[in-house]
Amino acid sequence: MAKRAIARTGAPFASERAEREYWETHDAGDVVDWSQARQVFPNLKASTETISLRLPTALLADLKVLANKRDVPYQSLLKVYLAERVTHETMGNMRSKALQPTSRGRRRAARG
């Protein structure tokens, strides 16, 4: 038996709630003809790169506790923290246009 495609002319449901209730009890496989589907992004490449990162055990444990409190994977939380810090650093450098030495660099220069 051939499956029929859903005709999306106008609003097929009276409201978003009605549509949600419909799809909670129906399967899209019954109404979508997947033989007509086409590949939208055939050459899509992964936008992430796998790295190996060594962290102190205590830091990793703290990160896992924070992630657990937020109910997210610790790797995802780490990515958010890194992204926020990199944005902060790059925006700060754009304002000052000069790299500021780290506290370690200032100590070395003072001894120097």
N, C-alpha and C. Protein backbone atom coordinates (compact mmCIF):
# COMPACT_ATOMS: atom_id res chain seq x y z
N MET A 1 0.85 -1.18 0.00
CA MET A 1 0.00 0.00 0.00
C MET A 1 0.89 1.24 0.00
N ALA A 2 0.66 2.15 -0.92
CA ALA A 2 1.48 3.35 -1.05
C ALA A 2 1.12 4.34 0.05
N LYS A 3 2.13 4.95 0.58
CA LYS A 3 1.91 5.96 1.61
C LYS A 3 1.67 7.30 0.94
N ARG A 4 0.84 8.09 1.52
CA ARG A 4 0.55 9.40 0.91
C ARG A 4 1.34 10.48 1.65
N ALA A 5 1.74 11.49 0.93
CA ALA A 5 2.43 12.63 1.53
C ALA A 5 1.41 13.59 2.11
N ILE A 6 1.77 14.25 3.19
CA ILE A 6 0.87 15.22 3.80
C ILE A 6 0.85 16.47 2.94
N ALA A 7 -0.32 16.91 2.56
CA ALA A 7 -0.45 18.15 1.80
C ALA A 7 -0.44 19.30 2.79
N ARG A 8 0.52 20.20 2.67
CA ARG A 8 0.64 21.33 3.59
C ARG A 8 0.12 22.61 2.95
N THR A 9 -1.13 22.60 2.57
CA THR A 9 -1.74 23.81 2.05
C THR A 9 -2.60 24.40 3.14
N GLY A 10 -2.25 25.60 3.59
CA GLY A 10 -2.98 26.19 4.70
C GLY A 10 -2.63 25.49 5.99
N ALA A 11 -3.42 25.68 7.01
CA ALA A 11 -3.19 25.05 8.31
C ALA A 11 -4.02 23.77 8.39
N PRO A 12 -3.38 22.59 8.40
CA PRO A 12 -4.14 21.34 8.44
C PRO A 12 -4.77 21.08 9.81
N PHE A 13 -4.32 21.80 10.83
CA PHE A 13 -4.86 21.63 12.18
C PHE A 13 -5.40 22.97 12.66
N ALA A 14 -6.39 22.92 13.52
CA ALA A 14 -7.00 24.13 14.03
C ALA A 14 -6.04 24.93 14.91
N SER A 15 -5.13 24.23 15.59
CA SER A 15 -4.18 24.91 16.46
C SER A 15 -2.92 24.06 16.60
N GLU A 16 -1.90 24.66 17.18
CA GLU A 16 -0.67 23.92 17.44
C GLU A 16 -0.93 22.79 18.43
N ARG A 17 -1.80 23.06 19.38
CA ARG A 17 -2.15 22.04 20.36
C ARG A 17 -2.81 20.83 19.70
N ALA A 18 -3.72 21.10 18.75
CA ALA A 18 -4.40 20.02 18.05
C ALA A 18 -3.39 19.18 17.25
N GLU A 19 -2.44 19.85 16.62
CA GLU A 19 -1.42 19.13 15.87
C GLU A 19 -0.55 18.29 16.80
N ARG A 20 -0.16 18.88 17.95
CA ARG A 20 0.66 18.15 18.92
C ARG A 20 -0.07 16.90 19.40
N GLU A 21 -1.34 17.05 19.71
CA GLU A 21 -2.13 15.90 20.18
C GLU A 21 -2.24 14.84 19.10
N TYR A 22 -2.36 15.27 17.83
CA TYR A 22 -2.44 14.31 16.73
C TYR A 22 -1.15 13.50 16.63
N TRP A 23 0.02 14.19 16.65
CA TRP A 23 1.29 13.50 16.47
C TRP A 23 1.71 12.69 17.68
N GLU A 24 1.09 12.95 18.84
CA GLU A 24 1.37 12.12 20.00
C GLU A 24 0.78 10.72 19.85
N THR A 25 -0.21 10.58 18.99
CA THR A 25 -0.88 9.29 18.82
C THR A 25 -0.73 8.70 17.43
N HIS A 26 -0.03 9.39 16.52
CA HIS A 26 0.14 8.91 15.16
C HIS A 26 1.62 8.85 14.80
N ASP A 27 1.95 8.00 13.86
CA ASP A 27 3.33 7.85 13.41
C ASP A 27 3.49 8.50 12.04
N ALA A 28 4.55 9.28 11.87
CA ALA A 28 4.80 9.95 10.59
C ALA A 28 5.03 8.94 9.47
N GLY A 29 5.51 7.76 9.82
CA GLY A 29 5.74 6.73 8.80
C GLY A 29 4.46 6.31 8.09
N ASP A 30 3.32 6.53 8.73
CA ASP A 30 2.04 6.16 8.12
C ASP A 30 1.57 7.18 7.08
N VAL A 31 2.11 8.39 7.12
CA VAL A 31 1.60 9.44 6.24
C VAL A 31 2.65 10.06 5.33
N VAL A 32 3.92 9.76 5.55
CA VAL A 32 4.98 10.35 4.73
C VAL A 32 5.52 9.31 3.76
N ASP A 33 5.64 9.71 2.51
CA ASP A 33 6.20 8.83 1.48
C ASP A 33 7.70 9.11 1.42
N TRP A 34 8.49 8.28 2.14
CA TRP A 34 9.92 8.50 2.24
C TRP A 34 10.66 8.22 0.94
N SER A 35 10.00 7.55 -0.01
CA SER A 35 10.65 7.30 -1.31
C SER A 35 10.85 8.61 -2.07
N GLN A 36 10.12 9.65 -1.71
CA GLN A 36 10.24 10.95 -2.37
C GLN A 36 11.23 11.87 -1.65
N ALA A 37 11.80 11.39 -0.54
CA ALA A 37 12.73 12.22 0.23
C ALA A 37 14.02 12.41 -0.55
N ARG A 38 14.66 13.55 -0.31
CA ARG A 38 15.95 13.81 -0.95
C ARG A 38 16.95 14.22 0.12
N GLN A 39 18.20 13.99 -0.15
CA GLN A 39 19.25 14.32 0.79
C GLN A 39 19.51 15.82 0.71
N VAL A 40 19.40 16.50 1.85
CA VAL A 40 19.51 17.96 1.86
C VAL A 40 20.95 18.42 1.96
N PHE A 41 21.74 17.79 2.82
CA PHE A 41 23.13 18.17 3.02
C PHE A 41 24.03 16.97 2.72
N PRO A 42 24.24 16.63 1.45
CA PRO A 42 24.99 15.41 1.15
C PRO A 42 26.46 15.47 1.53
N ASN A 43 27.07 16.66 1.58
CA ASN A 43 28.50 16.76 1.86
C ASN A 43 28.78 17.41 3.21
N LEU A 44 27.85 17.29 4.13
CA LEU A 44 28.00 17.92 5.43
C LEU A 44 29.13 17.23 6.21
N LYS A 45 30.05 18.04 6.70
CA LYS A 45 31.16 17.53 7.49
C LYS A 45 30.95 17.86 8.96
N ALA A 46 31.50 17.07 9.83
CA ALA A 46 31.40 17.33 11.26
C ALA A 46 32.07 18.67 11.56
N SER A 47 31.45 19.46 12.41
CA SER A 47 32.00 20.78 12.72
C SER A 47 32.80 20.76 14.02
N THR A 48 33.06 19.59 14.53
CA THR A 48 33.86 19.48 15.74
C THR A 48 35.07 18.59 15.46
N GLU A 49 36.06 18.74 16.30
CA GLU A 49 37.27 17.94 16.18
C GLU A 49 37.56 17.28 17.52
N THR A 50 37.92 16.02 17.48
CA THR A 50 38.23 15.28 18.70
C THR A 50 39.64 15.65 19.17
N ILE A 51 39.75 15.95 20.46
CA ILE A 51 41.06 16.26 21.05
C ILE A 51 41.23 15.44 22.32
N SER A 52 42.45 15.37 22.78
CA SER A 52 42.74 14.74 24.06
C SER A 52 43.21 15.84 24.99
N LEU A 53 42.61 15.92 26.16
CA LEU A 53 42.91 16.99 27.10
C LEU A 53 43.13 16.39 28.48
N ARG A 54 44.26 16.64 29.06
CA ARG A 54 44.55 16.15 30.41
C ARG A 54 44.17 17.23 31.41
N LEU A 55 43.33 16.84 32.37
CA LEU A 55 42.89 17.76 33.42
C LEU A 55 43.26 17.19 34.78
N PRO A 56 43.54 18.05 35.73
CA PRO A 56 43.76 17.55 37.09
C PRO A 56 42.50 16.82 37.57
N THR A 57 42.68 15.75 38.30
CA THR A 57 41.57 14.93 38.76
C THR A 57 40.54 15.74 39.53
N ALA A 58 41.01 16.63 40.41
CA ALA A 58 40.08 17.44 41.21
C ALA A 58 39.26 18.39 40.33
N LEU A 59 39.89 18.97 39.32
CA LEU A 59 39.17 19.88 38.41
C LEU A 59 38.10 19.12 37.65
N LEU A 60 38.43 17.94 37.16
CA LEU A 60 37.45 17.13 36.44
C LEU A 60 36.30 16.72 37.35
N ALA A 61 36.60 16.36 38.59
CA ALA A 61 35.55 15.99 39.54
C ALA A 61 34.62 17.17 39.81
N ASP A 62 35.20 18.36 39.98
CA ASP A 62 34.37 19.56 40.20
C ASP A 62 33.50 19.85 38.99
N LEU A 63 34.07 19.70 37.80
CA LEU A 63 33.32 19.94 36.57
C LEU A 63 32.15 18.96 36.47
N LYS A 64 32.38 17.71 36.82
CA LYS A 64 31.31 16.70 36.77
C LYS A 64 30.21 17.01 37.78
N VAL A 65 30.58 17.52 38.95
CA VAL A 65 29.57 17.89 39.96
C VAL A 65 28.72 19.04 39.42
N LEU A 66 29.37 20.06 38.85
CA LEU A 66 28.63 21.20 38.29
C LEU A 66 27.71 20.75 37.16
N ALA A 67 28.21 19.89 36.31
CA ALA A 67 27.40 19.40 35.19
C ALA A 67 26.21 18.59 35.69
N ASN A 68 26.43 17.79 36.72
CA ASN A 68 25.35 16.98 37.28
C ASN A 68 24.26 17.87 37.87
N LYS A 69 24.65 18.96 38.53
CA LYS A 69 23.67 19.90 39.09
C LYS A 69 22.81 20.52 37.99
N ARG A 70 23.40 20.70 36.81
CA ARG A 70 22.69 21.31 35.69
C ARG A 70 22.04 20.26 34.78
N ASP A 71 22.27 18.98 35.10
CA ASP A 71 21.73 17.87 34.32
C ASP A 71 22.17 17.93 32.85
N VAL A 72 23.48 18.18 32.66
CA VAL A 72 24.06 18.18 31.32
C VAL A 72 25.34 17.33 31.36
N PRO A 73 25.76 16.81 30.22
CA PRO A 73 27.04 16.08 30.19
C PRO A 73 28.20 17.04 30.51
N TYR A 74 29.21 16.53 31.22
CA TYR A 74 30.29 17.42 31.63
C TYR A 74 31.07 17.94 30.42
N GLN A 75 31.14 17.16 29.34
CA GLN A 75 31.85 17.63 28.15
C GLN A 75 31.13 18.84 27.54
N SER A 76 29.81 18.81 27.56
CA SER A 76 29.04 19.94 27.03
C SER A 76 29.24 21.18 27.89
N LEU A 77 29.25 20.99 29.20
CA LEU A 77 29.47 22.13 30.09
C LEU A 77 30.87 22.70 29.89
N LEU A 78 31.84 21.85 29.70
CA LEU A 78 33.21 22.30 29.45
C LEU A 78 33.27 23.12 28.16
N LYS A 79 32.57 22.69 27.12
CA LYS A 79 32.56 23.44 25.87
C LYS A 79 31.94 24.82 26.06
N VAL A 80 30.87 24.90 26.86
CA VAL A 80 30.25 26.19 27.13
C VAL A 80 31.21 27.10 27.87
N TYR A 81 31.86 26.56 28.92
CA TYR A 81 32.82 27.36 29.69
C TYR A 81 33.97 27.85 28.81
N LEU A 82 34.49 26.97 27.97
CA LEU A 82 35.59 27.37 27.09
C LEU A 82 35.14 28.43 26.09
N ALA A 83 33.97 28.25 25.51
CA ALA A 83 33.46 29.22 24.54
C ALA A 83 33.26 30.58 25.19
N GLU A 84 32.70 30.60 26.41
CA GLU A 84 32.50 31.87 27.10
C GLU A 84 33.83 32.56 27.38
N ARG A 85 34.81 31.80 27.82
CA ARG A 85 36.11 32.39 28.14
C ARG A 85 36.83 32.91 26.90
N VAL A 86 36.78 32.12 25.83
CA VAL A 86 37.42 32.55 24.58
C VAL A 86 36.75 33.81 24.05
N THR A 87 35.43 33.87 24.12
CA THR A 87 34.72 35.08 23.70
C THR A 87 35.13 36.26 24.55
N HIS A 88 35.18 36.06 25.85
CA HIS A 88 35.59 37.12 26.78
C HIS A 88 36.99 37.62 26.44
N GLU A 89 37.91 36.69 26.24
CA GLU A 89 39.30 37.06 25.94
C GLU A 89 39.42 37.77 24.61
N THR A 90 38.74 37.27 23.58
CA THR A 90 38.87 37.89 22.26
C THR A 90 38.20 39.25 22.23
N MET A 91 37.09 39.41 22.92
CA MET A 91 36.42 40.72 22.95
C MET A 91 37.26 41.71 23.75
N GLY A 92 37.88 41.25 24.83
CA GLY A 92 38.74 42.12 25.62
C GLY A 92 39.95 42.57 24.82
N ASN A 93 40.53 41.67 24.05
CA ASN A 93 41.69 42.00 23.23
C ASN A 93 41.32 42.93 22.10
N MET A 94 40.09 42.82 21.61
CA MET A 94 39.66 43.73 20.55
C MET A 94 39.54 45.15 21.09
N ARG A 95 39.12 45.30 22.35
CA ARG A 95 38.96 46.63 22.92
C ARG A 95 40.31 47.28 23.19
N SER A 96 41.24 46.51 23.76
CA SER A 96 42.51 47.11 24.15
C SER A 96 43.54 47.07 23.03
N LYS A 97 43.35 46.18 22.06
CA LYS A 97 44.27 46.01 20.94
C LYS A 97 45.68 45.64 21.37
N ALA A 98 45.86 45.26 22.62
CA ALA A 98 47.19 44.86 23.08
C ALA A 98 47.04 43.66 24.00
N LEU A 99 47.93 42.72 23.87
CA LEU A 99 47.92 41.57 24.76
C LEU A 99 48.49 41.98 26.10
N GLN A 100 47.80 41.65 27.14
CA GLN A 100 48.27 41.95 28.48
C GLN A 100 49.06 40.76 28.99
N PRO A 101 50.21 40.98 29.63
CA PRO A 101 50.96 39.84 30.16
C PRO A 101 50.20 39.18 31.29
N THR A 102 50.40 37.89 31.43
CA THR A 102 49.78 37.17 32.54
C THR A 102 50.48 37.56 33.83
N SER A 103 49.92 37.18 34.97
CA SER A 103 50.56 37.49 36.24
C SER A 103 51.94 36.84 36.31
N ARG A 104 52.08 35.66 35.73
CA ARG A 104 53.38 34.98 35.70
C ARG A 104 54.37 35.80 34.87
N GLY A 105 53.92 36.33 33.73
CA GLY A 105 54.79 37.14 32.89
C GLY A 105 55.22 38.43 33.56
N ARG A 106 54.31 39.04 34.33
CA ARG A 106 54.65 40.28 35.06
C ARG A 106 55.69 39.99 36.14
N ARG A 107 55.54 38.83 36.82
CA ARG A 107 56.53 38.46 37.85
C ARG A 107 57.90 38.24 37.24
N ARG A 108 57.93 37.56 36.08
CA ARG A 108 59.22 37.31 35.42
C ARG A 108 59.85 38.62 34.99
N ALA A 109 59.05 39.54 34.46
CA ALA A 109 59.59 40.82 34.01
C ALA A 109 60.12 41.62 35.19
N ALA A 110 59.45 41.54 36.33
CA ALA A 110 59.89 42.29 37.52
C ALA A 110 61.21 41.73 38.05
N ARG A 111 61.38 40.40 37.95
CA ARG A 111 62.63 39.79 38.42
C ARG A 111 63.78 40.06 37.47
N GLY A 112 63.41 40.17 36.22
CA GLY A 112 64.29 40.15 35.15
C GLY A 112 65.42 40.90 34.85
